[in-house]
């Protein structure tokens, strides 16, 4: 798990999806918690791909929704409950502790989720 500045060109899976929180006052992608998952979000069958599928299909409006999506995505990637809890706690420390978000803070509708929110919610 990384929760400090990104080193060089390293690319890691963001615990809370970047597209959901970009634009948040004080947010820095390089400082937000991320985790190293096997594979790529574009290679079917890899842990990162499975996590990305969950994130892309979920609909969320509040930070609480985003952290649930994060937990579900990490479980889909094969992480155990202790690892999931650690990753979500790191996200909370950054987003709630450092940036001041609350569970009811509105966040952006990331990527494909935007269409779900525009068309109407199930």
Protein backbone atom coordinates (compact mmCIF):
# COMPACT_ATOMS: atom_id res chain seq x y z
CA UNK A 1 0.00 0.00 0.00
CA UNK A 2 1.21 3.44 -0.86
CA UNK A 3 -0.09 6.51 0.89
CA UNK A 4 2.76 8.88 0.14
CA UNK A 5 4.13 10.55 -2.99
CA UNK A 6 4.17 8.34 -6.09
CA UNK A 7 7.69 7.22 -7.01
CA UNK A 8 8.68 7.81 -10.62
CA UNK A 9 6.40 6.19 -13.16
CA UNK A 10 4.91 3.61 -10.81
CA UNK A 11 1.23 3.05 -11.51
CA UNK A 12 -0.95 1.57 -8.81
CA UNK A 13 -4.64 0.94 -8.29
CA UNK A 14 -6.23 3.90 -6.50
CA UNK A 15 -8.20 2.72 -3.46
CA UNK A 16 -10.80 5.45 -4.04
CA UNK A 17 -11.25 5.93 -7.76
CA UNK A 18 -9.47 9.07 -8.97
CA UNK A 19 -12.28 10.09 -11.30
CA UNK A 20 -14.66 10.19 -8.33
CA UNK A 21 -12.61 12.60 -6.26
CA UNK A 22 -10.62 14.68 -8.73
CA UNK A 23 -11.53 18.29 -8.23
CA UNK A 24 -11.85 17.81 -4.47
CA UNK A 25 -10.12 20.71 -2.70
CA UNK A 26 -6.61 19.68 -1.68
CA UNK A 27 -6.74 16.32 -3.44
CA UNK A 28 -3.48 15.07 -4.96
CA UNK A 29 -3.54 11.78 -6.87
CA UNK A 30 0.08 11.13 -5.94
CA UNK A 31 -0.71 11.33 -2.23
CA UNK A 32 -3.98 9.39 -2.21
CA UNK A 33 -3.79 5.77 -1.01
CA UNK A 34 -3.12 3.22 -3.75
CA UNK A 35 -2.36 -0.46 -3.78
CA UNK A 36 -0.26 -2.63 -6.05
CA UNK A 37 -2.49 -5.18 -7.76
CA UNK A 38 -1.35 -7.92 -10.11
CA UNK A 39 -1.78 -7.22 -13.80
CA UNK A 40 -3.40 -4.33 -15.57
CA UNK A 41 -6.89 -2.85 -15.62
CA UNK A 42 -6.94 -3.71 -19.34
CA UNK A 43 -5.91 -7.38 -19.13
CA UNK A 44 -8.85 -9.74 -18.47
CA UNK A 45 -8.46 -12.10 -15.57
CA UNK A 46 -5.94 -10.06 -13.60
CA UNK A 47 -6.63 -8.80 -10.10
CA UNK A 48 -6.50 -5.20 -11.29
CA UNK A 49 -8.95 -5.94 -14.11
CA UNK A 50 -11.43 -7.53 -11.68
CA UNK A 51 -11.17 -4.50 -9.38
CA UNK A 52 -11.67 -2.12 -12.31
CA UNK A 53 -14.80 -3.99 -13.42
CA UNK A 54 -16.38 -3.52 -10.01
CA UNK A 55 -15.43 0.15 -9.88
CA UNK A 56 -16.73 0.83 -13.37
CA UNK A 57 -20.09 -0.81 -12.79
CA UNK A 58 -20.88 0.78 -9.43
CA UNK A 59 -23.01 3.88 -8.92
CA UNK A 60 -22.12 6.20 -6.08
CA UNK A 61 -22.92 9.72 -5.01
CA UNK A 62 -21.29 10.15 -1.60
CA UNK A 63 -17.87 9.39 -0.15
CA UNK A 64 -19.51 6.53 1.81
CA UNK A 65 -20.55 5.00 -1.52
CA UNK A 66 -17.02 5.33 -2.89
CA UNK A 67 -15.47 3.57 0.08
CA UNK A 68 -17.97 0.70 -0.30
CA UNK A 69 -17.10 0.47 -4.01
CA UNK A 70 -13.41 0.44 -3.03
CA UNK A 71 -13.94 -2.42 -0.56
CA UNK A 72 -15.98 -4.43 -3.09
CA UNK A 73 -13.36 -3.86 -5.80
CA UNK A 74 -10.50 -4.97 -3.56
CA UNK A 75 -12.42 -8.10 -2.55
CA UNK A 76 -13.02 -8.85 -6.25
CA UNK A 77 -9.26 -8.51 -6.78
CA UNK A 78 -8.74 -11.26 -4.22
CA UNK A 79 -7.64 -9.29 -1.16
CA UNK A 80 -8.53 -10.62 2.27
CA UNK A 81 -10.73 -8.76 4.72
CA UNK A 82 -7.76 -7.47 6.75
CA UNK A 83 -6.13 -6.03 3.61
CA UNK A 84 -9.41 -4.47 2.52
CA UNK A 85 -9.94 -2.92 5.95
CA UNK A 86 -6.37 -1.54 5.95
CA UNK A 87 -6.82 0.00 2.49
CA UNK A 88 -10.17 1.60 3.37
CA UNK A 89 -8.75 2.91 6.65
CA UNK A 90 -5.86 4.51 4.73
CA UNK A 91 -8.36 6.09 2.34
CA UNK A 92 -10.40 7.43 5.27
CA UNK A 93 -7.27 8.85 6.89
CA UNK A 94 -6.45 10.75 3.70
CA UNK A 95 -9.91 11.77 2.49
CA UNK A 96 -11.62 12.33 5.84
CA UNK A 97 -8.67 13.08 8.11
CA UNK A 98 -6.54 15.16 5.74
CA UNK A 99 -9.08 16.60 3.28
CA UNK A 100 -12.06 16.86 5.61
CA UNK A 101 -14.57 14.79 3.64
CA UNK A 102 -17.42 13.15 5.53
CA UNK A 103 -19.46 10.07 4.70
CA UNK A 104 -22.10 12.36 3.19
CA UNK A 105 -19.74 14.50 1.08
CA UNK A 106 -20.92 14.49 -2.53
CA UNK A 107 -18.37 13.16 -5.01
CA UNK A 108 -18.22 13.11 -8.80
CA UNK A 109 -19.80 10.29 -10.75
CA UNK A 110 -16.71 8.61 -12.22
CA UNK A 111 -16.45 7.43 -15.82
CA UNK A 112 -19.19 5.05 -16.80
CA UNK A 113 -21.06 5.74 -13.58
CA UNK A 114 -21.95 9.19 -14.94
CA UNK A 115 -24.32 7.60 -17.46
CA UNK A 116 -26.10 5.64 -14.74
CA UNK A 117 -26.65 8.78 -12.67
CA UNK A 118 -27.81 10.87 -15.64
CA UNK A 119 -30.26 8.30 -16.94
CA UNK A 120 -31.71 7.58 -13.53
CA UNK A 121 -30.77 5.44 -10.66
CA UNK A 122 -31.95 1.93 -10.06
